[in-house]
Amino acid sequence: MFESILASTSSVSAGEFVICTCISLGLGIIIAFIHSFKNEYSKNMLLALLALPAIIQTVIMLVNGNVGTGIAVMGAFSLVRFRSTPGNAREITSIFLSTVTGLAMAMGYVGVAALVILVVGAITILVSVLGFAEPSRGTKILKILIPENLDYTTIFDDILDKYTSKAVLDRVKSTNMGSLFELSYSVMLRSGMNEKEFIDELRVRNGNLSITLSRPIVNHEEL
């Protein structure tokens, strides 16, 4: 299973090249599916993940022990890396998975490539299904503008106790040349509570200034 399907790594026949390329494209399709599973993605990203194993495999087969060509290829890959836009952690992981697959296929190790994809894919899908490390769906971000003369430490306590099961003041920010304060809360509304009534009571208390209630924005880590 973990033996190379190539008769020799020093020279590759046309038949072996075609077989390895077809398998690389098939594995690329699987990698693209894994990347798209419960994830934000673009068509271009999926096409890149699909084609990358076959491209890497072809490059390595062409280099095949030639030191000068290998250095030139490394330089080309470096240019591509630094000219590309930053990607999030999952995109970088998928690209590395495609690269490893292409390297394994260039050596004829189909079993190794398939096993790596199986293990990484299973972990990725399992984590996505279980929702591991995702923020609580019940938590929302509440932003309230108040005049500078209001005591923001206790002014909304009774309303928050009435409508929320959790309310944490995360940030206080002065705005409009210091004439207003923007309060940012992490809140969890009680079951069955009416959001409009909640906001209406806050508006009465803050003088009908701006109030925003929204879902938390998940930061996409870039590498």
C-alpha atoms as a PDB file:
ATOM      1  CA  MET A   1       0.000   0.000   0.000  1.00  0.00           C
ATOM      2  CA  PHE A   2       2.845   2.387   0.866  1.00  0.00           C
ATOM      3  CA  GLU A   3       5.171   1.280  -1.931  1.00  0.00           C
ATOM      4  CA  SER A   4       5.830   3.413  -4.985  1.00  0.00           C
ATOM      5  CA  ILE A   5       3.926   2.551  -8.156  1.00  0.00           C
ATOM      6  CA  LEU A   6       6.864   3.845 -10.217  1.00  0.00           C
ATOM      7  CA  ALA A   7       9.346   1.311 -11.538  1.00  0.00           C
ATOM      8  CA  SER A   8      12.135   3.873 -11.079  1.00  0.00           C
ATOM      9  CA  THR A   9      12.207   7.403  -9.680  1.00  0.00           C
ATOM     10  CA  SER A  10      15.116   8.349 -11.959  1.00  0.00           C
ATOM     11  CA  SER A  11      13.025   7.967 -15.107  1.00  0.00           C
ATOM     12  CA  VAL A  12       9.256   7.961 -15.575  1.00  0.00           C
ATOM     13  CA  SER A  13       7.455   6.414 -18.525  1.00  0.00           C
ATOM     14  CA  ALA A  14       4.593   8.144 -20.320  1.00  0.00           C
ATOM     15  CA  GLY A  15       2.116   5.624 -18.935  1.00  0.00           C
ATOM     16  CA  GLU A  16       3.276   6.144 -15.352  1.00  0.00           C
ATOM     17  CA  PHE A  17       3.086   9.918 -15.784  1.00  0.00           C
ATOM     18  CA  VAL A  18      -0.484   9.751 -17.101  1.00  0.00           C
ATOM     19  CA  ILE A  19      -1.584   7.419 -14.282  1.00  0.00           C
ATOM     20  CA  CYS A  20      -0.009   9.609 -11.578  1.00  0.00           C
ATOM     21  CA  THR A  21      -1.502  12.762 -13.101  1.00  0.00           C
ATOM     22  CA  CYS A  22      -5.010  11.267 -13.226  1.00  0.00           C
ATOM     23  CA  ILE A  23      -4.730  10.132  -9.600  1.00  0.00           C
ATOM     24  CA  SER A  24      -3.412  13.580  -8.588  1.00  0.00           C
ATOM     25  CA  LEU A  25      -6.403  15.265 -10.218  1.00  0.00           C
ATOM     26  CA  GLY A  26      -8.762  12.855  -8.449  1.00  0.00           C
ATOM     27  CA  LEU A  27      -7.124  13.554  -5.093  1.00  0.00           C
ATOM     28  CA  GLY A  28      -7.266  17.277  -5.902  1.00  0.00           C
ATOM     29  CA  ILE A  29     -11.045  17.014  -6.302  1.00  0.00           C
ATOM     30  CA  ILE A  30     -11.254  15.399  -2.855  1.00  0.00           C
ATOM     31  CA  ILE A  31      -9.097  18.163  -1.333  1.00  0.00           C
ATOM     32  CA  ALA A  32     -11.311  20.820  -2.947  1.00  0.00           C
ATOM     33  CA  PHE A  33     -14.410  19.147  -1.485  1.00  0.00           C
ATOM     34  CA  ILE A  34     -12.828  19.000   1.986  1.00  0.00           C
ATOM     35  CA  HIS A  35     -11.909  22.692   1.772  1.00  0.00           C
ATOM     36  CA  SER A  36     -15.439  23.687   0.713  1.00  0.00           C
ATOM     37  CA  PHE A  37     -17.187  21.685   3.453  1.00  0.00           C
ATOM     38  CA  LYS A  38     -18.995  24.201   5.692  1.00  0.00           C
ATOM     39  CA  ASN A  39     -16.510  26.879   4.702  1.00  0.00           C
ATOM     40  CA  GLU A  40     -16.456  30.145   2.771  1.00  0.00           C
ATOM     41  CA  TYR A  41     -14.621  29.645  -0.499  1.00  0.00           C
ATOM     42  CA  SER A  42     -14.177  31.001  -4.007  1.00  0.00           C
ATOM     43  CA  LYS A  43     -14.323  29.213  -7.344  1.00  0.00           C
ATOM     44  CA  ASN A  44     -10.712  30.164  -8.067  1.00  0.00           C
ATOM     45  CA  MET A  45      -9.544  28.654  -4.777  1.00  0.00           C
ATOM     46  CA  LEU A  46     -11.255  25.335  -5.522  1.00  0.00           C
ATOM     47  CA  LEU A  47      -9.791  25.239  -9.035  1.00  0.00           C
ATOM     48  CA  ALA A  48      -6.323  25.905  -7.604  1.00  0.00           C
ATOM     49  CA  LEU A  49      -6.667  23.110  -5.027  1.00  0.00           C
ATOM     50  CA  LEU A  50      -7.900  20.728  -7.726  1.00  0.00           C
ATOM     51  CA  ALA A  51      -4.990  21.412 -10.085  1.00  0.00           C
ATOM     52  CA  LEU A  52      -2.166  21.973  -7.580  1.00  0.00           C
ATOM     53  CA  PRO A  53      -1.338  18.284  -6.829  1.00  0.00           C
ATOM     54  CA  ALA A  54      -0.939  17.515 -10.552  1.00  0.00           C
ATOM     55  CA  ILE A  55       1.135  20.668 -11.099  1.00  0.00           C
ATOM     56  CA  ILE A  56       3.464  19.965  -8.149  1.00  0.00           C
ATOM     57  CA  GLN A  57       3.802  16.341  -9.251  1.00  0.00           C
ATOM     58  CA  THR A  58       4.758  17.385 -12.781  1.00  0.00           C
ATOM     59  CA  VAL A  59       7.320  19.940 -11.561  1.00  0.00           C
ATOM     60  CA  ILE A  60       9.031  17.447  -9.241  1.00  0.00           C
ATOM     61  CA  MET A  61       9.110  14.781 -11.948  1.00  0.00           C
ATOM     62  CA  LEU A  62      10.710  17.260 -14.358  1.00  0.00           C
ATOM     63  CA  VAL A  63      13.341  18.357 -11.818  1.00  0.00           C
ATOM     64  CA  ASN A  64      14.183  14.747 -10.910  1.00  0.00           C
ATOM     65  CA  GLY A  65      17.514  15.234  -9.143  1.00  0.00           C
ATOM     66  CA  ASN A  66      18.738  18.212 -11.183  1.00  0.00           C
ATOM     67  CA  VAL A  67      20.081  20.615  -8.536  1.00  0.00           C
ATOM     68  CA  GLY A  68      20.130  23.685 -10.776  1.00  0.00           C
ATOM     69  CA  THR A  69      16.578  23.167 -11.957  1.00  0.00           C
ATOM     70  CA  GLY A  70      15.478  22.509  -8.373  1.00  0.00           C
ATOM     71  CA  ILE A  71      16.898  25.862  -7.208  1.00  0.00           C
ATOM     72  CA  ALA A  72      15.164  27.630 -10.097  1.00  0.00           C
ATOM     73  CA  VAL A  73      11.853  26.000  -9.176  1.00  0.00           C
ATOM     74  CA  MET A  74      12.289  27.059  -5.525  1.00  0.00           C
ATOM     75  CA  GLY A  75      12.803  30.637  -6.683  1.00  0.00           C
ATOM     76  CA  ALA A  76       9.671  30.498  -8.821  1.00  0.00           C
ATOM     77  CA  PHE A  77       7.588  29.184  -5.910  1.00  0.00           C
ATOM     78  CA  SER A  78       8.989  31.951  -3.674  1.00  0.00           C
ATOM     79  CA  LEU A  79       7.871  34.610  -6.164  1.00  0.00           C
ATOM     80  CA  VAL A  80       4.395  33.115  -6.298  1.00  0.00           C
ATOM     81  CA  ARG A  81       4.206  33.070  -2.490  1.00  0.00           C
ATOM     82  CA  PHE A  82       5.197  36.697  -1.997  1.00  0.00           C
ATOM     83  CA  ARG A  83       3.040  37.997  -4.840  1.00  0.00           C
ATOM     84  CA  SER A  84      -0.108  36.338  -3.515  1.00  0.00           C
ATOM     85  CA  THR A  85      -2.601  37.888  -1.097  1.00  0.00           C
ATOM     86  CA  PRO A  86      -2.664  36.656   2.514  1.00  0.00           C
ATOM     87  CA  GLY A  87      -4.968  33.716   3.112  1.00  0.00           C
ATOM     88  CA  ASN A  88      -6.703  32.467   6.202  1.00  0.00           C
ATOM     89  CA  ALA A  89      -5.445  29.460   8.130  1.00  0.00           C
ATOM     90  CA  ARG A  90      -7.769  26.950   6.452  1.00  0.00           C
ATOM     91  CA  GLU A  91      -6.755  28.093   2.963  1.00  0.00           C
ATOM     92  CA  ILE A  92      -3.064  27.748   3.802  1.00  0.00           C
ATOM     93  CA  THR A  93      -3.690  24.282   5.271  1.00  0.00           C
ATOM     94  CA  SER A  94      -5.489  23.172   2.107  1.00  0.00           C
ATOM     95  CA  ILE A  95      -2.665  24.507  -0.074  1.00  0.00           C
ATOM     96  CA  PHE A  96      -0.056  22.643   1.982  1.00  0.00           C
ATOM     97  CA  LEU A  97      -2.182  19.482   1.770  1.00  0.00           C
ATOM     98  CA  SER A  98      -2.288  19.824  -2.028  1.00  0.00           C
ATOM     99  CA  THR A  99       1.473  20.381  -2.093  1.00  0.00           C
ATOM    100  CA  VAL A 100       2.189  17.303   0.035  1.00  0.00           C
ATOM    101  CA  THR A 101      -0.127  15.268  -2.190  1.00  0.00           C
ATOM    102  CA  GLY A 102       1.725  16.431  -5.295  1.00  0.00           C
ATOM    103  CA  LEU A 103       5.103  15.578  -3.742  1.00  0.00           C
ATOM    104  CA  ALA A 104       3.910  12.095  -2.757  1.00  0.00           C
ATOM    105  CA  MET A 105       2.464  11.462  -6.218  1.00  0.00           C
ATOM    106  CA  ALA A 106       5.718  12.597  -7.862  1.00  0.00           C
ATOM    107  CA  MET A 107       7.427   9.744  -6.029  1.00  0.00           C
ATOM    108  CA  GLY A 108       4.613   7.323  -6.826  1.00  0.00           C
ATOM    109  CA  TYR A 109       3.403   6.949  -3.233  1.00  0.00           C
ATOM    110  CA  VAL A 110      -0.331   6.829  -3.891  1.00  0.00           C
ATOM    111  CA  GLY A 111      -1.086   5.154  -0.550  1.00  0.00           C
ATOM    112  CA  VAL A 112       0.755   7.832   1.429  1.00  0.00           C
ATOM    113  CA  ALA A 113      -1.040  10.640  -0.412  1.00  0.00           C
ATOM    114  CA  ALA A 114      -4.441   9.003   0.065  1.00  0.00           C
ATOM    115  CA  LEU A 115      -3.800   8.322   3.767  1.00  0.00           C
ATOM    116  CA  VAL A 116      -2.743  11.921   4.478  1.00  0.00           C
ATOM    117  CA  ILE A 117      -5.850  13.256   2.727  1.00  0.00           C
ATOM    118  CA  LEU A 118      -8.063  10.761   4.571  1.00  0.00           C
ATOM    119  CA  VAL A 119      -6.701  11.681   8.015  1.00  0.00           C
ATOM    120  CA  VAL A 120      -6.613  15.462   7.485  1.00  0.00           C
ATOM    121  CA  GLY A 121      -9.990  15.430   5.720  1.00  0.00           C
ATOM    122  CA  ALA A 122     -11.648  13.371   8.446  1.00  0.00           C
ATOM    123  CA  ILE A 123     -10.352  15.709  11.166  1.00  0.00           C
ATOM    124  CA  THR A 124     -11.427  18.813   9.211  1.00  0.00           C
ATOM    125  CA  ILE A 125     -14.942  17.508   8.545  1.00  0.00           C
ATOM    126  CA  LEU A 126     -15.348  16.250  12.120  1.00  0.00           C
ATOM    127  CA  VAL A 127     -14.315  19.600  13.598  1.00  0.00           C
ATOM    128  CA  SER A 128     -16.667  21.431  11.197  1.00  0.00           C
ATOM    129  CA  VAL A 129     -19.628  19.183  12.050  1.00  0.00           C
ATOM    130  CA  LEU A 130     -19.065  19.403  15.811  1.00  0.00           C
ATOM    131  CA  GLY A 131     -18.621  23.190  15.640  1.00  0.00           C
ATOM    132  CA  PHE A 132     -15.433  23.017  17.695  1.00  0.00           C
ATOM    133  CA  ALA A 133     -14.164  26.437  18.924  1.00  0.00           C
ATOM    134  CA  GLU A 134     -17.063  28.325  17.306  1.00  0.00           C
ATOM    135  CA  PRO A 135     -18.524  31.260  19.249  1.00  0.00           C
ATOM    136  CA  SER A 136     -21.850  30.693  20.976  1.00  0.00           C
ATOM    137  CA  ARG A 137     -24.740  31.322  18.563  1.00  0.00           C
ATOM    138  CA  GLY A 138     -26.739  33.000  21.332  1.00  0.00           C
ATOM    139  CA  THR A 139     -24.152  35.700  21.977  1.00  0.00           C
ATOM    140  CA  LYS A 140     -24.678  39.083  20.311  1.00  0.00           C
ATOM    141  CA  ILE A 141     -22.839  42.391  20.252  1.00  0.00           C
ATOM    142  CA  LEU A 142     -24.735  45.394  21.625  1.00  0.00           C
ATOM    143  CA  LYS A 143     -23.414  48.896  20.897  1.00  0.00           C
ATOM    144  CA  ILE A 144     -25.028  51.920  22.556  1.00  0.00           C
ATOM    145  CA  LEU A 145     -24.231  55.609  22.123  1.00  0.00           C
ATOM    146  CA  ILE A 146     -24.812  57.762  25.198  1.00  0.00           C
ATOM    147  CA  PRO A 147     -24.183  61.430  26.077  1.00  0.00           C
ATOM    148  CA  GLU A 148     -20.995  62.073  28.020  1.00  0.00           C
ATOM    149  CA  ASN A 149     -22.922  63.206  31.115  1.00  0.00           C
ATOM    150  CA  LEU A 150     -24.595  59.798  31.668  1.00  0.00           C
ATOM    151  CA  ASP A 151     -23.100  57.361  34.179  1.00  0.00           C
ATOM    152  CA  TYR A 152     -22.678  54.339  31.925  1.00  0.00           C
ATOM    153  CA  THR A 153     -21.616  51.998  34.752  1.00  0.00           C
ATOM    154  CA  THR A 154     -25.154  51.445  36.071  1.00  0.00           C
ATOM    155  CA  ILE A 155     -27.534  53.279  33.720  1.00  0.00           C
ATOM    156  CA  PHE A 156     -28.614  50.138  31.817  1.00  0.00           C
ATOM    157  CA  ASP A 157     -28.258  47.491  34.540  1.00  0.00           C
ATOM    158  CA  ASP A 158     -31.982  46.990  35.176  1.00  0.00           C
ATOM    159  CA  ILE A 159     -32.815  46.686  31.462  1.00  0.00           C
ATOM    160  CA  LEU A 160     -29.965  44.266  30.845  1.00  0.00           C
ATOM    161  CA  ASP A 161     -31.002  42.145  33.836  1.00  0.00           C
ATOM    162  CA  LYS A 162     -34.555  42.021  32.490  1.00  0.00           C
ATOM    163  CA  TYR A 163     -33.793  41.033  28.891  1.00  0.00           C
ATOM    164  CA  THR A 164     -30.446  39.216  29.023  1.00  0.00           C
ATOM    165  CA  SER A 165     -29.023  36.220  30.825  1.00  0.00           C
ATOM    166  CA  LYS A 166     -25.496  37.539  30.314  1.00  0.00           C
ATOM    167  CA  ALA A 167     -24.227  41.057  29.702  1.00  0.00           C
ATOM    168  CA  VAL A 168     -20.553  42.008  29.774  1.00  0.00           C
ATOM    169  CA  LEU A 169     -19.258  45.511  29.077  1.00  0.00           C
ATOM    170  CA  ASP A 170     -16.298  44.841  26.771  1.00  0.00           C
ATOM    171  CA  ARG A 171     -15.329  48.336  25.682  1.00  0.00           C
ATOM    172  CA  VAL A 172     -16.009  52.029  26.265  1.00  0.00           C
ATOM    173  CA  LYS A 173     -15.014  54.412  23.493  1.00  0.00           C
ATOM    174  CA  SER A 174     -15.347  58.194  23.298  1.00  0.00           C
ATOM    175  CA  THR A 175     -16.577  59.579  19.983  1.00  0.00           C
ATOM    176  CA  ASN A 176     -17.773  62.801  18.340  1.00  0.00           C
ATOM    177  CA  MET A 177     -14.974  64.902  19.866  1.00  0.00           C
ATOM    178  CA  GLY A 178     -15.613  63.402  23.306  1.00  0.00           C
ATOM    179  CA  SER A 179     -19.269  64.438  23.493  1.00  0.00           C
ATOM    180  CA  LEU A 180     -20.515  60.839  23.246  1.00  0.00           C
ATOM    181  CA  PHE A 181     -19.513  57.440  24.591  1.00  0.00           C
ATOM    182  CA  GLU A 182     -19.933  54.195  22.655  1.00  0.00           C
ATOM    183  CA  LEU A 183     -20.541  51.187  24.924  1.00  0.00           C
ATOM    184  CA  SER A 184     -19.892  47.703  23.531  1.00  0.00           C
ATOM    185  CA  TYR A 185     -21.523  44.762  25.338  1.00  0.00           C
ATOM    186  CA  SER A 186     -21.485  41.017  24.769  1.00  0.00           C
ATOM    187  CA  VAL A 187     -25.044  39.948  25.567  1.00  0.00           C
ATOM    188  CA  MET A 188     -27.121  36.783  25.501  1.00  0.00           C
ATOM    189  CA  LEU A 189     -30.866  37.437  25.282  1.00  0.00           C
ATOM    190  CA  ARG A 190     -33.241  35.474  27.465  1.00  0.00           C
ATOM    191  CA  SER A 191     -35.440  32.934  25.700  1.00  0.00           C
ATOM    192  CA  GLY A 192     -38.642  34.442  24.296  1.00  0.00           C
ATOM    193  CA  MET A 193     -37.583  38.057  24.806  1.00  0.00           C
ATOM    194  CA  ASN A 194     -38.601  40.591  22.156  1.00  0.00           C
ATOM    195  CA  GLU A 195     -35.576  42.333  20.627  1.00  0.00           C
ATOM    196  CA  LYS A 196     -37.592  45.395  19.573  1.00  0.00           C
ATOM    197  CA  GLU A 197     -38.931  45.964  23.082  1.00  0.00           C
ATOM    198  CA  PHE A 198     -35.403  45.548  24.414  1.00  0.00           C
ATOM    199  CA  ILE A 199     -34.019  48.166  22.013  1.00  0.00           C
ATOM    200  CA  ASP A 200     -36.963  50.522  22.631  1.00  0.00           C
ATOM    201  CA  GLU A 201     -36.281  50.562  26.371  1.00  0.00           C
ATOM    202  CA  LEU A 202     -32.606  51.240  25.722  1.00  0.00           C
ATOM    203  CA  ARG A 203     -33.529  54.124  23.384  1.00  0.00           C
ATOM    204  CA  VAL A 204     -35.599  55.771  26.106  1.00  0.00           C
ATOM    205  CA  ARG A 205     -32.628  55.563  28.455  1.00  0.00           C
ATOM    206  CA  ASN A 206     -29.926  56.809  26.032  1.00  0.00           C
ATOM    207  CA  GLY A 207     -31.893  59.706  24.563  1.00  0.00           C
ATOM    208  CA  ASN A 208     -32.798  57.947  21.297  1.00  0.00           C
ATOM    209  CA  LEU A 209     -29.192  57.838  20.114  1.00  0.00           C
ATOM    210  CA  SER A 210     -27.794  55.052  17.940  1.00  0.00           C
ATOM    211  CA  ILE A 211     -28.141  51.431  19.148  1.00  0.00           C
ATOM    212  CA  THR A 212     -26.790  48.392  17.274  1.00  0.00           C
ATOM    213  CA  LEU A 213     -27.528  44.739  18.070  1.00  0.00           C
ATOM    214  CA  SER A 214     -25.652  42.272  15.859  1.00  0.00           C
ATOM    215  CA  ARG A 215     -24.001  38.891  15.714  1.00  0.00           C
ATOM    216  CA  PRO A 216     -20.311  38.748  16.686  1.00  0.00           C
ATOM    217  CA  ILE A 217     -17.878  39.024  13.788  1.00  0.00           C
ATOM    218  CA  VAL A 218     -15.534  36.053  13.642  1.00  0.00           C
ATOM    219  CA  ASN A 219     -11.974  37.134  12.921  1.00  0.00           C
ATOM    220  CA  HIS A 220     -10.402  35.191  10.026  1.00  0.00           C
ATOM    221  CA  GLU A 221      -6.816  34.531  10.950  1.00  0.00           C
ATOM    222  CA  GLU A 222      -4.382  35.302   8.156  1.00  0.00           C
ATOM    223  CA  LEU A 223      -1.037  33.642   7.625  1.00  0.00           C
END
